[in-house]
């Protein structure tokens, strides 16, 4: 973005003005600000849904967008809509259909594949909205409060999907009302205020929750909120601390590799945030 500004009528107030922004590959960027400051306008400009009134946006790669409000009253079933969107993204019909089913399954909405969009609940509609943005492996993923309306399992699944896209080299820009959403993974944070975009300084990293003992390893993991750890984990790890989906486990160093493999193979998998100790 170079000198980008946006207003909605000639002579009207500028919602955004003088915006300069570079988005690098493989990065996660959070946009924050109070309601009505122009966050959604910024995201729509990034996604190419709106055109700037002044300035220019260049270099936009293959892009997918989840709006704040999904237009569910469309003449499709959930699977039919996703397949149709996959074809628009250039996927072969068979591939589009397979990916549609896969994403509905992943977000816990497979049972509604044949349900007309207009008959879906708000939460299931939101799952379809998120799935349509992910099924073609976008290089730029723009999420406007995409977690709103999702259940706990689906929110955690979207967290994982965002992480996967970033690890694959994509750029993800998101707005979410939860200040802790992906806070430990974001590369940059910006605030929309007074029609401008300002970088927000990162908060200092917290101190380690506890120190490892000789011969033991501490493993910090995250999973779906309130999901218990898998039973009978190798090494009989001791859970030292945890809140929401975060855990710190202590295990004998000799069994740490076995424990890591078991956590990664669990369904749903646990994400390894750090390993401390010998």
Protein backbone atom coordinates (compact mmCIF):
# COMPACT_ATOMS: atom_id res chain seq x y z
CA UNK A 1 0.00 0.00 0.00
CA UNK A 2 1.32 3.43 -0.94
CA UNK A 3 -0.50 6.61 0.09
CA UNK A 4 -3.79 4.73 0.28
CA UNK A 5 -6.90 6.61 1.29
CA UNK A 6 -10.57 5.69 1.28
CA UNK A 7 -13.76 7.70 1.65
CA UNK A 8 -17.25 6.66 0.63
CA UNK A 9 -18.56 9.83 -0.98
CA UNK A 10 -17.11 12.87 -2.69
CA UNK A 11 -16.27 15.47 -0.08
CA UNK A 12 -17.05 13.05 2.74
CA UNK A 13 -14.76 12.27 5.67
CA UNK A 14 -11.71 10.12 5.08
CA UNK A 15 -12.06 6.71 6.70
CA UNK A 16 -8.39 6.02 5.97
CA UNK A 17 -5.72 8.27 4.51
CA UNK A 18 -1.99 8.17 3.86
CA UNK A 19 -1.64 4.46 4.54
CA UNK A 20 1.76 2.94 3.69
CA UNK A 21 2.10 -0.77 4.40
CA UNK A 22 4.25 -3.65 3.18
CA UNK A 23 3.18 -7.24 3.78
CA UNK A 24 5.94 -9.85 3.68
CA UNK A 25 5.47 -13.51 2.83
CA UNK A 26 5.09 -15.91 5.74
CA UNK A 27 3.89 -13.31 8.23
CA UNK A 28 0.90 -12.92 10.53
CA UNK A 29 -0.35 -9.37 11.09
CA UNK A 30 -3.03 -8.25 13.53
CA UNK A 31 -5.08 -5.09 12.99
CA UNK A 32 -6.79 -3.57 16.01
CA UNK A 33 -8.77 -0.46 16.93
CA UNK A 34 -12.09 0.56 18.42
CA UNK A 35 -15.31 0.04 16.48
CA UNK A 36 -15.83 2.38 13.56
CA UNK A 37 -12.18 3.36 13.06
CA UNK A 38 -11.83 1.68 9.66
CA UNK A 39 -10.45 -1.79 10.38
CA UNK A 40 -12.88 -3.52 8.02
CA UNK A 41 -12.26 -0.88 5.36
CA UNK A 42 -8.53 -1.57 5.55
CA UNK A 43 -9.10 -5.32 5.21
CA UNK A 44 -11.42 -4.84 2.24
CA UNK A 45 -8.77 -2.72 0.52
CA UNK A 46 -6.13 -5.38 1.17
CA UNK A 47 -8.40 -8.11 -0.17
CA UNK A 48 -9.33 -6.11 -3.27
CA UNK A 49 -13.03 -5.96 -2.35
CA UNK A 50 -12.85 -2.14 -2.28
CA UNK A 51 -10.69 0.15 -4.41
CA UNK A 52 -8.77 3.02 -2.81
CA UNK A 53 -10.01 6.56 -3.39
CA UNK A 54 -6.38 7.62 -3.64
CA UNK A 55 -3.04 5.83 -3.60
CA UNK A 56 -2.37 2.34 -4.88
CA UNK A 57 -2.22 -1.29 -3.81
CA UNK A 58 0.21 -3.46 -5.77
CA UNK A 59 1.64 -6.96 -5.70
CA UNK A 60 -1.50 -8.62 -4.36
CA UNK A 61 -1.12 -12.43 -4.67
CA UNK A 62 -3.89 -15.05 -4.80
CA UNK A 63 -6.21 -13.78 -2.10
CA UNK A 64 -9.07 -15.10 0.03
CA UNK A 65 -11.28 -13.10 2.37
CA UNK A 66 -13.67 -13.86 5.21
CA UNK A 67 -16.05 -10.92 5.72
CA UNK A 68 -17.45 -9.80 9.04
CA UNK A 69 -20.92 -10.81 7.80
CA UNK A 70 -21.29 -13.81 5.53
CA UNK A 71 -24.12 -13.55 2.93
CA UNK A 72 -25.77 -16.89 3.69
CA UNK A 73 -28.92 -16.36 1.56
CA UNK A 74 -27.39 -17.84 -1.59
CA UNK A 75 -28.93 -20.60 -3.77
CA UNK A 76 -26.40 -23.32 -2.82
CA UNK A 77 -25.95 -26.08 -0.35
CA UNK A 78 -22.89 -25.79 1.87
CA UNK A 79 -20.87 -28.29 -0.19
CA UNK A 80 -22.19 -26.91 -3.48
CA UNK A 81 -21.15 -23.39 -2.53
CA UNK A 82 -17.66 -24.47 -1.54
CA UNK A 83 -17.25 -26.50 -4.72
CA UNK A 84 -18.42 -23.51 -6.77
CA UNK A 85 -15.93 -21.21 -5.02
CA UNK A 86 -13.19 -23.77 -5.57
CA UNK A 87 -13.92 -23.75 -9.30
CA UNK A 88 -13.77 -19.92 -9.30
CA UNK A 89 -10.33 -20.21 -7.68
CA UNK A 90 -9.27 -22.44 -10.58
CA UNK A 91 -9.45 -25.86 -8.94
CA UNK A 92 -10.62 -28.85 -11.01
CA UNK A 93 -14.17 -29.80 -10.06
CA UNK A 94 -13.15 -33.09 -8.43
CA UNK A 95 -10.44 -31.38 -6.38
CA UNK A 96 -12.81 -28.59 -5.37
CA UNK A 97 -15.41 -31.12 -4.23
CA UNK A 98 -12.86 -33.13 -2.24
CA UNK A 99 -11.46 -30.04 -0.53
CA UNK A 100 -14.97 -28.78 0.24
CA UNK A 101 -15.75 -32.02 2.04
CA UNK A 102 -12.40 -32.01 3.79
CA UNK A 103 -12.80 -28.51 5.21
CA UNK A 104 -16.38 -29.13 6.30
CA UNK A 105 -15.15 -32.23 8.10
CA UNK A 106 -12.27 -30.36 9.67
CA UNK A 107 -14.56 -27.66 11.07
CA UNK A 108 -17.14 -30.16 12.31
CA UNK A 109 -19.78 -29.29 9.71
CA UNK A 110 -19.73 -32.38 7.48
CA UNK A 111 -23.26 -33.31 8.54
CA UNK A 112 -24.50 -30.07 6.92
CA UNK A 113 -22.83 -30.56 3.52
CA UNK A 114 -26.21 -30.97 1.81
CA UNK A 115 -28.03 -28.25 3.76
CA UNK A 116 -29.02 -25.06 1.89
CA UNK A 117 -27.01 -22.08 3.06
CA UNK A 118 -30.15 -20.18 4.07
CA UNK A 119 -31.07 -22.96 6.53
CA UNK A 120 -27.72 -23.11 8.31
CA UNK A 121 -27.27 -21.77 11.83
CA UNK A 122 -25.09 -18.69 12.28
CA UNK A 123 -22.22 -20.80 13.60
CA UNK A 124 -22.35 -23.30 10.74
CA UNK A 125 -22.62 -20.48 8.20
CA UNK A 126 -19.44 -19.03 9.65
CA UNK A 127 -17.71 -22.38 9.25
CA UNK A 128 -18.63 -22.34 5.56
CA UNK A 129 -17.38 -18.76 5.27
CA UNK A 130 -14.02 -19.76 6.72
CA UNK A 131 -13.80 -22.94 4.64
CA UNK A 132 -14.33 -21.06 1.37
CA UNK A 133 -11.31 -18.90 2.15
CA UNK A 134 -9.02 -21.84 2.92
CA UNK A 135 -9.85 -24.44 0.31
CA UNK A 136 -7.63 -23.02 -2.46
CA UNK A 137 -4.48 -22.41 -0.34
CA UNK A 138 -4.48 -18.59 -0.58
CA UNK A 139 -1.21 -16.67 -0.56
CA UNK A 140 -2.92 -13.75 1.19
CA UNK A 141 -5.61 -14.60 3.72
CA UNK A 142 -7.68 -11.71 5.12
CA UNK A 143 -9.89 -12.48 8.14
CA UNK A 144 -12.37 -9.95 9.50
CA UNK A 145 -13.48 -11.33 12.89
CA UNK A 146 -13.62 -14.79 11.33
CA UNK A 147 -13.65 -16.53 14.74
CA UNK A 148 -16.93 -14.86 15.79
CA UNK A 149 -19.73 -17.40 16.00
CA UNK A 150 -17.48 -20.45 15.86
CA UNK A 151 -17.55 -23.05 18.61
CA UNK A 152 -14.46 -23.87 20.67
CA UNK A 153 -13.34 -26.72 18.44
CA UNK A 154 -13.74 -24.69 15.25
CA UNK A 155 -11.92 -21.69 16.72
CA UNK A 156 -8.97 -23.90 17.59
CA UNK A 157 -9.07 -25.43 14.11
CA UNK A 158 -8.98 -21.98 12.53
CA UNK A 159 -5.99 -21.10 14.72
CA UNK A 160 -4.23 -24.18 13.34
CA UNK A 161 -5.21 -23.38 9.76
CA UNK A 162 -3.80 -19.86 10.09
CA UNK A 163 -0.55 -21.25 11.46
CA UNK A 164 -0.36 -23.73 8.57
CA UNK A 165 -0.84 -20.99 5.97
CA UNK A 166 1.89 -18.84 7.53
CA UNK A 167 4.26 -21.82 7.72
CA UNK A 168 3.54 -22.45 4.03
CA UNK A 169 4.72 -18.92 3.21
CA UNK A 170 1.37 -17.14 3.00
CA UNK A 171 0.53 -13.78 4.55
CA UNK A 172 -2.39 -13.59 6.98
CA UNK A 173 -3.99 -10.33 8.13
CA UNK A 174 -6.72 -10.52 10.75
CA UNK A 175 -9.01 -8.59 13.06
CA UNK A 176 -10.44 -10.27 16.15
CA UNK A 177 -12.13 -8.97 19.29
CA UNK A 178 -10.04 -11.32 21.49
CA UNK A 179 -6.70 -9.57 22.20
CA UNK A 180 -5.11 -12.93 22.99
CA UNK A 181 -6.01 -14.46 19.63
CA UNK A 182 -2.75 -15.77 18.10
CA UNK A 183 -0.86 -13.20 20.18
CA UNK A 184 2.09 -15.56 20.63
CA UNK A 185 2.43 -16.07 16.86
CA UNK A 186 1.86 -12.65 15.31
CA UNK A 187 4.80 -10.96 13.61
CA UNK A 188 3.39 -7.42 13.71
CA UNK A 189 0.46 -5.50 15.14
CA UNK A 190 -1.08 -2.29 13.81
CA UNK A 191 -3.78 -0.01 15.18
CA UNK A 192 -6.21 2.00 13.06
CA UNK A 193 -6.72 5.38 14.71
CA UNK A 194 -7.62 8.80 13.37
CA UNK A 195 -7.79 7.49 9.78
CA UNK A 196 -4.17 6.38 9.99
CA UNK A 197 -2.37 3.08 10.61
CA UNK A 198 0.23 2.95 13.36
CA UNK A 199 2.49 0.07 14.44
CA UNK A 200 1.95 -1.20 17.97
CA UNK A 201 5.10 -2.05 19.94
CA UNK A 202 5.17 -5.71 21.03
CA UNK A 203 4.73 -6.50 24.69
CA UNK A 204 7.74 -8.01 26.47
CA UNK A 205 7.80 -11.79 26.54
CA UNK A 206 6.76 -13.31 29.88
CA UNK A 207 9.33 -15.10 31.99
CA UNK A 208 9.36 -18.91 31.78
CA UNK A 209 6.61 -20.40 33.90
CA UNK A 210 9.04 -22.58 35.83
CA UNK A 211 12.60 -23.87 35.57
CA UNK A 212 13.51 -27.41 34.54
CA UNK A 213 15.08 -29.84 37.03
CA UNK A 214 18.26 -31.82 36.23
CA UNK A 215 17.43 -34.81 34.05
CA UNK A 216 13.99 -33.43 33.13
CA UNK A 217 12.56 -31.47 30.20
CA UNK A 218 9.77 -28.90 30.23
CA UNK A 219 7.48 -28.90 27.19
CA UNK A 220 5.10 -25.99 26.57
CA UNK A 221 2.13 -27.02 24.43
CA UNK A 222 -1.17 -25.56 23.26
CA UNK A 223 -4.33 -27.28 22.12
CA UNK A 224 -8.04 -26.68 21.89
CA UNK A 225 -9.38 -24.74 24.88
CA UNK A 226 -10.46 -26.94 27.81
CA UNK A 227 -9.45 -30.12 25.93
CA UNK A 228 -7.84 -32.67 28.29
CA UNK A 229 -4.46 -34.14 27.47
CA UNK A 230 -4.50 -37.58 25.83
CA UNK A 231 -4.48 -40.44 28.37
CA UNK A 232 -1.46 -42.67 29.01
CA UNK A 233 1.15 -40.35 27.53
CA UNK A 234 4.71 -41.76 27.36
CA UNK A 235 6.86 -40.94 30.35
CA UNK A 236 3.87 -40.13 32.60
CA UNK A 237 4.46 -36.35 32.31
CA UNK A 238 3.58 -34.07 35.20
CA UNK A 239 1.38 -31.10 34.34
CA UNK A 240 2.87 -28.07 36.09
CA UNK A 241 0.75 -25.21 34.81
CA UNK A 242 -2.06 -24.58 32.41
CA UNK A 243 -4.92 -22.30 31.47
CA UNK A 244 -7.30 -22.52 28.53
CA UNK A 245 -5.48 -24.54 25.88
CA UNK A 246 -1.92 -23.97 27.23
CA UNK A 247 0.02 -26.55 29.25
CA UNK A 248 3.52 -26.97 30.67
CA UNK A 249 4.57 -30.61 31.06
CA UNK A 250 7.60 -32.01 32.87
CA UNK A 251 8.97 -35.35 31.73
CA UNK A 252 12.21 -37.28 32.10
CA UNK A 253 14.63 -36.21 29.33
CA UNK A 254 14.98 -39.82 28.19
CA UNK A 255 11.25 -39.97 27.36
CA UNK A 256 10.85 -36.47 25.91
CA UNK A 257 11.08 -37.56 22.25
CA UNK A 258 8.41 -40.23 22.81
CA UNK A 259 6.16 -37.66 24.47
CA UNK A 260 6.63 -35.13 21.66
CA UNK A 261 5.70 -37.73 19.03
CA UNK A 262 2.58 -38.72 20.98
CA UNK A 263 1.42 -35.10 21.35
CA UNK A 264 1.90 -34.37 17.66
CA UNK A 265 0.10 -37.58 16.65
CA UNK A 266 -2.90 -36.92 18.92
CA UNK A 267 -6.25 -35.98 17.37
CA UNK A 268 -6.65 -33.07 17.58
CA UNK A 269 -2.87 -32.52 17.66
CA UNK A 270 -1.12 -30.48 20.33
CA UNK A 271 1.21 -27.72 19.15
CA UNK A 272 4.70 -27.65 20.63
CA UNK A 273 5.49 -24.07 21.69
CA UNK A 274 8.84 -24.72 23.35
CA UNK A 275 11.13 -27.31 24.92
CA UNK A 276 13.38 -26.38 27.84
CA UNK A 277 15.99 -28.43 29.60
CA UNK A 278 18.81 -30.84 28.74
